[in-house]
Protein backbone atom coordinates (compact mmCIF):
# COMPACT_ATOMS: atom_id res chain seq x y z
CA UNK A 1 -7.33 21.14 -7.63
CA UNK A 2 -7.41 24.92 -7.83
CA UNK A 3 -7.09 27.23 -4.83
CA UNK A 4 -8.09 30.89 -4.95
CA UNK A 5 -7.41 33.64 -2.49
CA UNK A 6 -10.08 36.10 -1.30
CA UNK A 7 -8.58 38.87 -3.43
CA UNK A 8 -9.41 36.94 -6.60
CA UNK A 9 -13.12 37.44 -6.00
CA UNK A 10 -13.84 33.78 -5.49
CA UNK A 11 -16.20 32.66 -2.79
CA UNK A 12 -14.50 31.75 0.48
CA UNK A 13 -14.65 28.18 1.65
CA UNK A 14 -16.38 27.26 4.92
CA UNK A 15 -13.11 26.59 6.68
CA UNK A 16 -11.89 30.10 5.77
CA UNK A 17 -15.05 31.69 7.16
CA UNK A 18 -14.74 29.68 10.35
CA UNK A 19 -11.09 30.67 10.77
CA UNK A 20 -11.89 34.38 10.24
CA UNK A 21 -14.75 34.27 12.71
CA UNK A 22 -12.55 32.65 15.33
CA UNK A 23 -9.76 35.17 14.77
CA UNK A 24 -12.24 38.06 15.01
CA UNK A 25 -13.61 36.71 18.27
CA UNK A 26 -10.10 36.37 19.69
CA UNK A 27 -9.35 39.95 18.72
CA UNK A 28 -12.46 41.25 20.48
CA UNK A 29 -11.59 39.36 23.65
CA UNK A 30 -8.16 40.99 23.74
CA UNK A 31 -9.51 44.46 23.04
CA UNK A 32 -7.82 44.65 19.70
CA UNK A 33 -9.07 45.21 16.21
CA UNK A 34 -10.42 42.04 14.59
CA UNK A 35 -7.97 40.33 12.32
CA UNK A 36 -8.77 41.06 8.72
CA UNK A 37 -8.94 38.16 6.29
CA UNK A 38 -6.52 35.71 7.88
CA UNK A 39 -6.22 33.89 4.58
CA UNK A 40 -4.07 30.80 4.10
CA UNK A 41 -0.57 31.31 2.88
CA UNK A 42 0.05 29.78 -0.54
CA UNK A 43 3.57 28.45 -0.75
CA UNK A 44 3.26 27.51 -4.42
CA UNK A 45 1.58 30.01 -6.71
CA UNK A 46 0.96 28.94 -10.26
CA UNK A 47 -1.83 29.64 -12.66
CA UNK A 48 -3.86 26.74 -13.82
CA UNK A 49 -6.49 26.64 -16.53
CA UNK A 50 -9.75 28.07 -15.43
CA UNK A 51 -8.41 29.39 -12.17
CA UNK A 52 -9.00 33.01 -13.06
CA UNK A 53 -6.66 35.86 -12.26
CA UNK A 54 -5.92 34.71 -8.74
CA UNK A 55 -3.10 32.43 -7.72
CA UNK A 56 -3.80 28.71 -7.51
CA UNK A 57 -2.05 25.38 -7.52
CA UNK A 58 -1.78 23.35 -10.70
CA UNK A 59 0.42 20.23 -10.89
CA UNK A 60 3.07 20.41 -13.62
CA UNK A 61 1.65 17.25 -15.32
CA UNK A 62 5.09 16.12 -16.42
CA UNK A 63 8.62 17.47 -16.58
CA UNK A 64 10.37 16.72 -13.29
CA UNK A 65 7.33 14.64 -12.37
CA UNK A 66 8.42 11.87 -14.74
CA UNK A 67 11.59 11.46 -12.69
CA UNK A 68 9.33 11.01 -9.65
CA UNK A 69 7.35 8.42 -11.65
CA UNK A 70 10.59 6.55 -12.35
CA UNK A 71 11.50 6.61 -8.65
CA UNK A 72 8.03 5.34 -7.71
CA UNK A 73 8.32 2.59 -10.33
CA UNK A 74 11.69 1.51 -8.96
CA UNK A 75 10.22 1.48 -5.46
CA UNK A 76 7.14 -0.59 -6.31
CA UNK A 77 9.00 -2.93 -8.63
CA UNK A 78 12.03 -3.66 -6.48
CA UNK A 79 10.16 -4.05 -3.17
CA UNK A 80 7.38 -6.30 -4.43
CA UNK A 81 9.65 -7.99 -6.93
CA UNK A 82 11.71 -9.22 -3.98
CA UNK A 83 8.69 -9.95 -1.79
CA UNK A 84 6.76 -11.87 -4.43
CA UNK A 85 9.86 -13.90 -5.38
CA UNK A 86 10.42 -15.07 -1.83
CA UNK A 87 9.56 -18.61 -2.90
CA UNK A 88 13.02 -18.84 -4.46
CA UNK A 89 14.70 -17.48 -1.32
CA UNK A 90 12.58 -19.93 0.69
CA UNK A 91 14.03 -22.94 -1.14
CA UNK A 92 17.57 -21.58 -0.64
CA UNK A 93 16.89 -21.09 3.08
CA UNK A 94 15.77 -24.71 3.41
CA UNK A 95 18.92 -25.91 1.67
CA UNK A 96 21.15 -23.93 4.02
CA UNK A 97 19.30 -24.71 7.25
CA UNK A 98 20.31 -27.73 9.29
CA UNK A 99 18.88 -29.14 12.51
CA UNK A 100 15.36 -30.47 12.98
CA UNK A 101 13.97 -31.19 9.52
CA UNK A 102 10.39 -31.34 10.77
CA UNK A 103 10.44 -27.66 11.73
CA UNK A 104 12.30 -26.19 8.74
CA UNK A 105 9.30 -25.36 6.56
CA UNK A 106 7.47 -23.74 9.47
CA UNK A 107 10.42 -21.59 10.58
CA UNK A 108 11.66 -20.61 7.12
CA UNK A 109 8.17 -19.48 6.09
CA UNK A 110 8.18 -16.99 8.98
CA UNK A 111 11.05 -15.06 7.37
CA UNK A 112 9.09 -14.06 4.27
CA UNK A 113 5.74 -13.85 6.06
CA UNK A 114 7.11 -11.36 8.58
CA UNK A 115 8.55 -9.20 5.79
CA UNK A 116 5.24 -9.05 3.92
CA UNK A 117 3.23 -8.64 7.13
CA UNK A 118 5.33 -5.70 8.30
CA UNK A 119 4.54 -3.81 5.09
CA UNK A 120 0.87 -3.88 6.00
CA UNK A 121 1.27 -3.63 9.77
CA UNK A 122 3.27 -0.41 9.52
CA UNK A 123 0.89 1.25 7.03
CA UNK A 124 -1.13 3.26 9.59
CA UNK A 125 2.10 4.50 11.19
CA UNK A 126 3.59 5.38 7.81
CA UNK A 127 0.49 7.44 7.02
CA UNK A 128 1.05 9.52 10.14
CA UNK A 129 4.74 10.08 9.37
CA UNK A 130 3.94 10.97 5.76
CA UNK A 131 1.31 13.49 6.82
CA UNK A 132 3.64 15.04 9.37
CA UNK A 133 7.05 14.90 7.65
CA UNK A 134 6.21 14.67 3.97
CA UNK A 135 7.09 11.96 1.48
CA UNK A 136 10.83 12.41 1.13
CA UNK A 137 12.08 11.79 4.68
CA UNK A 138 10.05 8.61 5.46
CA UNK A 139 10.76 7.14 2.00
CA UNK A 140 14.50 7.77 2.20
CA UNK A 141 14.77 6.50 5.76
CA UNK A 142 12.66 3.44 4.90
CA UNK A 143 14.86 2.56 1.92
CA UNK A 144 17.93 2.89 4.15
CA UNK A 145 16.44 0.53 6.76
CA UNK A 146 15.46 -1.96 4.03
CA UNK A 147 19.01 -1.81 2.65
CA UNK A 148 20.47 -2.51 6.10
CA UNK A 149 18.02 -5.37 6.60
CA UNK A 150 18.94 -7.16 3.37
CA UNK A 151 22.65 -6.54 3.81
CA UNK A 152 22.80 -7.84 7.37
CA UNK A 153 20.72 -10.87 6.35
CA UNK A 154 23.57 -11.94 4.10
CA UNK A 155 26.02 -12.17 7.03
CA UNK A 156 24.08 -14.72 9.07
CA UNK A 157 23.01 -18.33 8.57
CA UNK A 158 20.53 -18.32 11.46
CA UNK A 159 16.82 -18.31 10.68
CA UNK A 160 16.12 -16.66 14.03
CA UNK A 161 18.46 -13.77 13.16
CA UNK A 162 16.80 -13.42 9.76
CA UNK A 163 13.43 -13.09 11.47
CA UNK A 164 14.73 -9.68 12.57
CA UNK A 165 17.04 -8.65 9.70
CA UNK A 166 14.91 -9.78 6.77
CA UNK A 167 11.47 -10.05 8.36
CA UNK A 168 11.40 -6.96 10.59
CA UNK A 169 14.02 -4.57 9.20
CA UNK A 170 13.49 -5.20 5.51
CA UNK A 171 9.70 -5.43 5.90
CA UNK A 172 9.36 -2.27 8.00
CA UNK A 173 11.75 -0.33 5.77
CA UNK A 174 9.82 -1.45 2.69
CA UNK A 175 6.59 -0.13 4.21
CA UNK A 176 8.07 3.31 4.88
CA UNK A 177 9.57 3.44 1.38
CA UNK A 178 6.48 2.16 -0.44
CA UNK A 179 3.55 4.24 0.81
CA UNK A 180 5.04 7.71 0.08
CA UNK A 181 5.66 6.58 -3.51
CA UNK A 182 1.89 6.44 -3.97
CA UNK A 183 1.20 9.80 -2.30
CA UNK A 184 3.85 11.83 -4.13
CA UNK A 185 2.31 11.25 -7.57
CA UNK A 186 -0.62 13.47 -6.58
CA UNK A 187 1.79 16.39 -6.20
CA UNK A 188 2.93 16.25 -9.83
CA UNK A 189 -0.11 14.94 -11.69
CA UNK A 190 -3.81 15.65 -11.63
CA UNK A 191 -5.21 15.47 -15.15
CA UNK A 192 -2.69 12.77 -16.08
CA UNK A 193 -2.65 10.99 -12.72
CA UNK A 194 -4.26 7.90 -14.23
CA UNK A 195 -1.52 7.74 -16.83
CA UNK A 196 1.20 8.13 -14.19
CA UNK A 197 -0.29 5.36 -12.05
CA UNK A 198 -0.62 3.17 -15.14
CA UNK A 199 3.03 3.68 -16.02
CA UNK A 200 4.07 2.79 -12.46
CA UNK A 201 1.88 -0.32 -12.43
CA UNK A 202 2.99 -1.55 -15.84
CA UNK A 203 6.70 -0.81 -15.36
CA UNK A 204 6.81 -2.30 -11.85
CA UNK A 205 5.26 -5.47 -13.27
CA UNK A 206 8.35 -5.81 -15.45
CA UNK A 207 10.39 -5.90 -12.24
CA UNK A 208 8.13 -8.61 -10.83
CA UNK A 209 8.58 -10.63 -14.01
CA UNK A 210 12.37 -10.29 -14.12
CA UNK A 211 13.19 -10.77 -10.43
CA UNK A 212 12.44 -14.53 -10.31
CA UNK A 213 14.73 -15.09 -13.28
CA UNK A 214 17.45 -12.89 -11.74
CA UNK A 215 17.21 -14.52 -8.31
CA UNK A 216 17.26 -18.02 -9.76
CA UNK A 217 20.47 -17.28 -11.66
CA UNK A 218 22.06 -15.59 -8.64
CA UNK A 219 21.06 -18.47 -6.37
CA UNK A 220 22.65 -21.03 -8.68
CA UNK A 221 25.84 -19.01 -9.21
CA UNK A 222 26.61 -17.18 -5.96
CA UNK A 223 24.26 -18.76 -3.38
CA UNK A 224 21.97 -17.05 -0.89
CA UNK A 225 24.34 -14.71 0.99
CA UNK A 226 25.67 -12.96 -2.10
CA UNK A 227 22.17 -12.94 -3.64
CA UNK A 228 20.90 -10.89 -0.68
CA UNK A 229 23.84 -8.51 -1.10
CA UNK A 230 22.94 -7.96 -4.76
CA UNK A 231 19.29 -7.36 -3.83
CA UNK A 232 20.36 -4.81 -1.22
CA UNK A 233 21.82 -2.70 -4.05
CA UNK A 234 18.27 -2.12 -5.32
CA UNK A 235 17.38 -0.65 -1.92
CA UNK A 236 20.53 1.51 -1.95
CA UNK A 237 19.53 2.96 -5.32
CA UNK A 238 15.98 3.47 -4.03
CA UNK A 239 17.37 5.47 -1.10
CA UNK A 240 18.84 8.04 -3.50
CA UNK A 241 15.81 8.01 -5.81
CA UNK A 242 13.56 8.79 -2.85
CA UNK A 243 15.31 12.15 -2.52
CA UNK A 244 13.43 13.21 -5.66
CA UNK A 245 10.12 13.24 -3.71
CA UNK A 246 10.03 17.03 -3.53
CA UNK A 247 6.56 18.18 -2.37
CA UNK A 248 4.80 20.75 -4.52
CA UNK A 249 1.33 20.84 -3.00
CA UNK A 250 0.64 24.15 -1.21
CA UNK A 251 -0.17 24.26 2.47
CA UNK A 252 -2.93 26.31 4.07
CA UNK A 253 -1.57 26.42 7.60
CA UNK A 254 -3.31 29.05 9.69
CA UNK A 255 -1.61 29.55 13.07
CA UNK A 256 -4.33 31.95 14.32
CA UNK A 257 -6.95 29.19 14.15
CA UNK A 258 -5.56 27.62 17.32
CA UNK A 259 -5.52 30.79 19.46
CA UNK A 260 -7.30 30.43 22.79
CA UNK A 261 -7.24 26.65 22.78
CA UNK A 262 -5.75 24.88 25.77
CA UNK A 263 -2.78 22.54 25.49
CA UNK A 264 -5.08 19.59 26.16
CA UNK A 265 -7.44 20.61 23.36
CA UNK A 266 -4.56 21.04 20.94
CA UNK A 267 -3.12 17.62 21.88
CA UNK A 268 -6.51 15.96 21.44
CA UNK A 269 -6.92 17.73 18.12
CA UNK A 270 -3.56 16.49 16.91
CA UNK A 271 -4.32 12.97 18.15
CA UNK A 272 -7.68 12.87 16.39
CA UNK A 273 -6.10 14.09 13.15
CA UNK A 274 -3.41 11.41 13.39
CA UNK A 275 -5.66 8.52 14.46
CA UNK A 276 -9.06 9.09 12.90
CA UNK A 277 -11.17 6.20 14.19
CA UNK A 278 -14.36 7.55 12.65
CA UNK A 279 -14.02 5.18 9.72
CA UNK A 280 -15.01 2.34 12.06
CA UNK A 281 -18.35 4.07 12.69
CA UNK A 282 -19.35 2.90 9.22
CA UNK A 283 -20.83 -0.57 9.46
CA UNK A 284 -20.18 -1.34 5.81
CA UNK A 285 -16.50 -0.42 6.23
CA UNK A 286 -16.18 -2.81 9.17
CA UNK A 287 -17.72 -5.64 7.15
CA UNK A 288 -15.51 -4.87 4.15
CA UNK A 289 -12.33 -4.70 6.21
CA UNK A 290 -13.19 -7.96 8.00
CA UNK A 291 -13.81 -9.72 4.69
CA UNK A 292 -10.51 -8.62 3.19
CA UNK A 293 -8.58 -9.47 6.37
CA UNK A 294 -10.13 -12.95 6.27
CA UNK A 295 -9.13 -13.45 2.64
CA UNK A 296 -5.57 -12.32 3.41
CA UNK A 297 -4.94 -15.48 5.46
CA UNK A 298 -4.47 -17.49 2.27
CA UNK A 299 -3.27 -14.70 -0.03
CA UNK A 300 0.52 -15.00 0.42
CA UNK A 301 0.77 -18.81 0.74
CA UNK A 302 1.33 -19.55 -2.99
CA UNK A 303 4.11 -16.96 -3.20
CA UNK A 304 6.05 -18.73 -0.44
CA UNK A 305 5.37 -22.45 -0.89
CA UNK A 306 4.77 -22.89 -4.62
CA UNK A 307 8.47 -23.24 -5.51
CA UNK A 308 9.09 -25.89 -2.86
CA UNK A 309 5.93 -27.75 -3.87
CA UNK A 310 7.08 -27.93 -7.52
CA UNK A 311 10.52 -29.20 -6.48
CA UNK A 312 8.90 -32.03 -4.55
CA UNK A 313 6.02 -32.80 -6.91
CA UNK A 314 7.88 -32.73 -10.23
CA UNK A 315 11.14 -34.59 -10.09
CA UNK A 316 12.19 -34.06 -13.72
CA UNK A 317 15.36 -32.02 -14.12
CA UNK A 318 13.76 -29.65 -16.64
CA UNK A 319 10.84 -29.00 -14.33
CA UNK A 320 13.10 -28.03 -11.45
CA UNK A 321 15.00 -25.53 -13.58
CA UNK A 322 11.81 -23.90 -14.85
CA UNK A 323 10.13 -23.22 -11.51
CA UNK A 324 10.90 -19.51 -11.70
CA UNK A 325 8.57 -19.28 -14.71
CA UNK A 326 5.59 -19.62 -12.36
CA UNK A 327 6.46 -16.43 -10.50
CA UNK A 328 7.05 -14.65 -13.81
CA UNK A 329 3.52 -15.62 -14.90
CA UNK A 330 2.05 -14.27 -11.65
CA UNK A 331 3.91 -10.97 -12.04
CA UNK A 332 2.94 -10.56 -15.72
CA UNK A 333 -0.78 -11.11 -15.31
CA UNK A 334 -0.81 -9.06 -12.09
CA UNK A 335 0.34 -6.04 -14.10
CA UNK A 336 -2.27 -6.72 -16.76
CA UNK A 337 -4.94 -7.10 -14.08
CA UNK A 338 -4.05 -3.73 -12.54
CA UNK A 339 -4.33 -1.91 -15.84
CA UNK A 340 -7.53 -3.63 -16.97
CA UNK A 341 -9.32 -3.48 -13.61
CA UNK A 342 -8.72 0.27 -13.35
CA UNK A 343 -10.50 0.82 -16.65
CA UNK A 344 -13.33 -1.56 -15.75
CA UNK A 345 -13.91 -0.04 -12.29
CA UNK A 346 -14.25 3.45 -13.80
CA UNK A 347 -17.23 2.21 -15.83
CA UNK A 348 -18.97 0.56 -12.85
CA UNK A 349 -21.07 3.02 -10.80
CA UNK A 350 -20.92 3.33 -7.04
CA UNK A 351 -20.20 0.43 -4.75
CA UNK A 352 -21.03 -2.19 -7.37
CA UNK A 353 -17.33 -2.24 -8.26
CA UNK A 354 -16.79 -4.27 -5.08
CA UNK A 355 -18.11 -7.27 -7.00
CA UNK A 356 -14.81 -7.25 -8.90
CA UNK A 357 -13.10 -7.98 -5.59
CA UNK A 358 -15.66 -10.69 -4.86
CA UNK A 359 -14.88 -12.41 -8.18
CA UNK A 360 -11.14 -11.98 -7.64
CA UNK A 361 -11.22 -13.58 -4.17
CA UNK A 362 -13.48 -16.45 -5.21
CA UNK A 363 -11.26 -17.20 -8.21
CA UNK A 364 -8.11 -16.83 -6.09
CA UNK A 365 -9.37 -19.40 -3.59
CA UNK A 366 -10.38 -21.78 -6.37
CA UNK A 367 -6.96 -21.50 -8.05
CA UNK A 368 -5.16 -22.25 -4.76
CA UNK A 369 -7.21 -25.42 -4.43
CA UNK A 370 -6.44 -26.33 -8.04
CA UNK A 371 -2.66 -26.40 -7.44
CA UNK A 372 -2.57 -29.92 -5.92
CA UNK A 373 -4.86 -31.19 -8.69
CA UNK A 374 -2.51 -30.16 -11.50
CA UNK A 375 -0.79 -33.23 -12.88
CA UNK A 376 1.49 -31.35 -15.24
CA UNK A 377 3.66 -28.26 -15.20
CA UNK A 378 1.54 -26.63 -17.92
CA UNK A 379 -1.50 -26.78 -15.65
CA UNK A 380 0.41 -24.94 -12.94
CA UNK A 381 1.31 -22.20 -15.41
CA UNK A 382 -2.38 -21.67 -16.22
CA UNK A 383 -3.20 -21.55 -12.50
CA UNK A 384 -0.46 -18.98 -11.86
CA UNK A 385 -1.71 -16.79 -14.71
CA UNK A 386 -5.11 -16.60 -13.01
CA UNK A 387 -3.50 -16.05 -9.59
CA UNK A 388 -1.69 -12.97 -10.89
CA UNK A 389 -4.82 -11.66 -12.55
CA UNK A 390 -6.75 -11.95 -9.27
CA UNK A 391 -3.94 -10.17 -7.44
CA UNK A 392 -4.07 -7.25 -9.89
CA UNK A 393 -7.84 -6.87 -9.62
CA UNK A 394 -7.84 -7.07 -5.82
CA UNK A 395 -5.17 -4.42 -5.23
CA UNK A 396 -6.44 -1.90 -7.79
CA UNK A 397 -10.07 -1.88 -6.64
CA UNK A 398 -9.12 -1.30 -2.98
CA UNK A 399 -8.83 2.50 -3.13
CA UNK A 400 -11.99 3.16 -5.20
CA UNK A 401 -14.06 1.01 -2.83
CA UNK A 402 -12.65 2.86 0.20
CA UNK A 403 -13.68 6.18 -1.38
CA UNK A 404 -17.21 4.88 -1.90
CA UNK A 405 -17.55 3.57 1.67
CA UNK A 406 -16.15 6.40 3.81
CA UNK A 407 -15.79 9.41 1.51
CA UNK A 408 -12.70 11.05 0.01
CA UNK A 409 -11.27 12.71 3.11
CA UNK A 410 -11.29 9.55 5.22
CA UNK A 411 -10.17 7.19 2.47
CA UNK A 412 -6.45 7.49 3.31
CA UNK A 413 -6.99 6.52 6.95
CA UNK A 414 -9.42 3.79 5.90
CA UNK A 415 -6.86 2.18 3.61
CA UNK A 416 -4.15 2.48 6.25
CA UNK A 417 -6.25 0.73 8.89
CA UNK A 418 -7.30 -1.93 6.37
CA UNK A 419 -3.69 -2.75 5.52
CA UNK A 420 -2.89 -2.91 9.22
CA UNK A 421 -5.73 -5.40 9.76
CA UNK A 422 -4.40 -7.53 6.89
CA UNK A 423 -0.97 -7.81 8.50
CA UNK A 424 -1.72 -10.49 11.09
CA UNK A 425 -3.54 -13.00 8.85
CA UNK A 426 -1.14 -12.44 5.97
CA UNK A 427 1.82 -13.04 8.29
CA UNK A 428 0.27 -16.16 9.84
CA UNK A 429 -0.77 -17.80 6.54
CA UNK A 430 2.58 -19.13 5.21
CA UNK A 431 3.80 -20.52 8.58
CA UNK A 432 0.46 -22.30 9.05
CA UNK A 433 0.84 -23.83 5.60
CA UNK A 434 4.35 -24.94 6.54
CA UNK A 435 3.00 -26.47 9.74
CA UNK A 436 0.39 -28.40 7.73
CA UNK A 437 3.17 -29.67 5.48
CA UNK A 438 5.09 -30.91 8.51
CA UNK A 439 1.98 -32.73 9.80
CA UNK A 440 0.88 -34.38 6.54
CA UNK A 441 4.26 -34.49 4.76
CA UNK A 442 2.80 -33.00 1.56
CA UNK A 443 1.48 -29.65 0.39
CA UNK A 444 -1.97 -30.82 -0.69
CA UNK A 445 -3.73 -29.93 2.56
CA UNK A 446 -1.76 -26.67 2.78
CA UNK A 447 -3.02 -25.43 -0.59
CA UNK A 448 -6.57 -26.60 0.10
CA UNK A 449 -6.36 -24.59 3.31
CA UNK A 450 -5.01 -21.57 1.37
CA UNK A 451 -8.11 -21.54 -0.84
CA UNK A 452 -10.69 -21.45 1.95
CA UNK A 453 -10.10 -17.93 3.44
CA UNK A 454 -10.33 -16.06 0.08
CA UNK A 455 -13.62 -17.80 -0.71
CA UNK A 456 -15.02 -16.91 2.73
CA UNK A 457 -13.76 -13.34 2.31
CA UNK A 458 -15.44 -13.10 -1.10
CA UNK A 459 -18.75 -14.27 0.37
CA UNK A 460 -18.51 -11.62 3.11
CA UNK A 461 -17.76 -8.86 0.59
CA UNK A 462 -20.77 -9.91 -1.49
CA UNK A 463 -23.09 -8.58 1.22
CA UNK A 464 -21.37 -5.18 1.61
CA UNK A 465 -23.41 -3.39 -1.11
CA UNK A 466 -26.61 -4.88 0.34
CA UNK A 467 -25.86 -3.47 3.81
CA UNK A 468 -24.73 -0.17 2.28
CA UNK A 469 -28.16 0.36 0.69
CA UNK A 470 -29.80 -0.06 4.10
CA UNK A 471 -27.41 2.39 5.75
CA UNK A 472 -29.18 5.29 7.54
CA UNK A 473 -29.53 8.38 5.38
CA UNK A 474 -27.56 10.58 7.78
CA UNK A 475 -24.59 8.19 7.82
CA UNK A 476 -24.69 7.96 4.04
CA UNK A 477 -24.53 11.76 3.77
CA UNK A 478 -21.64 11.89 6.23
CA UNK A 479 -19.64 9.36 4.21
CA UNK A 480 -19.82 11.54 1.09
CA UNK A 481 -19.45 14.87 2.91
CA UNK A 482 -16.26 16.82 2.38
CA UNK A 483 -14.36 16.63 5.65
CA UNK A 484 -12.37 19.78 4.88
CA UNK A 485 -15.12 21.96 6.36
CA UNK A 486 -13.30 22.16 9.70
CA UNK A 487 -9.77 23.45 9.62
CA UNK A 488 -8.60 21.59 12.73
CA UNK A 489 -9.45 18.20 11.19
CA UNK A 490 -6.87 18.70 8.46
CA UNK A 491 -3.31 17.76 9.24
CA UNK A 492 -1.37 21.05 9.27
CA UNK A 493 -4.22 22.52 7.22
CA UNK A 494 -2.98 20.67 4.14
CA UNK A 495 -5.05 19.66 1.14
CA UNK A 496 -3.48 16.23 0.71
CA UNK A 497 -0.98 14.20 2.75
CA UNK A 498 2.72 14.50 2.13
CA UNK A 499 3.07 18.29 2.01
CA UNK A 500 4.23 19.42 5.48
CA UNK A 501 4.98 23.04 6.24
CA UNK A 502 8.63 22.16 6.79
CA UNK A 503 9.09 21.09 3.17
CA UNK A 504 6.37 22.82 1.20
CA UNK A 505 8.44 25.96 0.68
CA UNK A 506 11.01 24.08 -1.42
């Protein structure tokens, strides 16, 4: 992304012309000379290929950026390695918990469901903080909160207390630490951004594969409390790695653009830039978001209840010791799915790539229903391999579809709102499955229930491209229009999120 100043002879963008016209009008009103060329201040001046003699911004495409890639990998791998291995923690919670046996599965499932739900629920808020404060401060503070959440969870045996320490603190902290790790890569890579994302996806999958094995060993040797203390060390390391999120993207903040505007207008402008609800004007986006939120109701159930189901269904000693293999299979094929689906989606034009999500959800629902039908442990391994593959395809296609539906400049807000809508069903899914177990005293109905929402969500998504073709021409043009035409719609006048004026000069 190259940026040229007026002196370089390049044509001025529409937002520059608008800012100059406004400044000139303000100068005439005050009886002063019109301001000449109130150009944006470039805080990073480098010369990129093809940018001509003028200054412009070009990501370094490596160097210090690979340290940022390592930090992002540690973030993605450790957070979702712990979250996706909650099935092992779930079995340890049930062993420690006394009292009413009929309510254990329901209550213990809330601990992990809250943690995963908070990651999605906080996403719109994290987007605002990242836009305003940059990537480094929210990520470091989030890692610190996640560390405190895991550490304090080790000092209590109460499920109710762990609702707050593990579910709320660890989940909310994970959300603030995770989202900036995705944004910061755009500051250091442009031409090689696909490679950087691929490295993060592949390397974080190794975390997801190793965490079940690690947590199983720790659970057998040092029990749950000390296991949580060991896991908190990963968050402590992440807190220091997040300090590497140094923003490089230049800002284009123009203080003269806001002259003459009342305090109310400025507040409304800030509010609209923080909470852009225009994405909900798109009918196809509303249908897409509703379909994914519906599918999310059954998405997290296998991660929580699969370990307990295997312990009850397969009584052989060898089978009980090998339960962690199932989570390893999910993590391995999830990484493969992310890499493969990215390549496949690039070759599919337009919104037709949403059919990859349709296939992923339909297959995910079918695999959940297949779990009770597996008579052997080998069958469960095959099912888990497909579950991980569906997970990888679903998560990778989310951003490209959002770009197609609402355009590039609204895609960030669209994804944030989508993740927020997923929070409630994803949080409610595992406790509902635990409640079904308490009612029927087996997991068969619970896993049949888990398969229904993804299938319904896949059917809903199938109709999104059909409605998109019938979308009015004006709305279709607006969705692909570059929203950077108006300077007051850009947060702090920045080109991408995560580069606030307070840090961009570093």
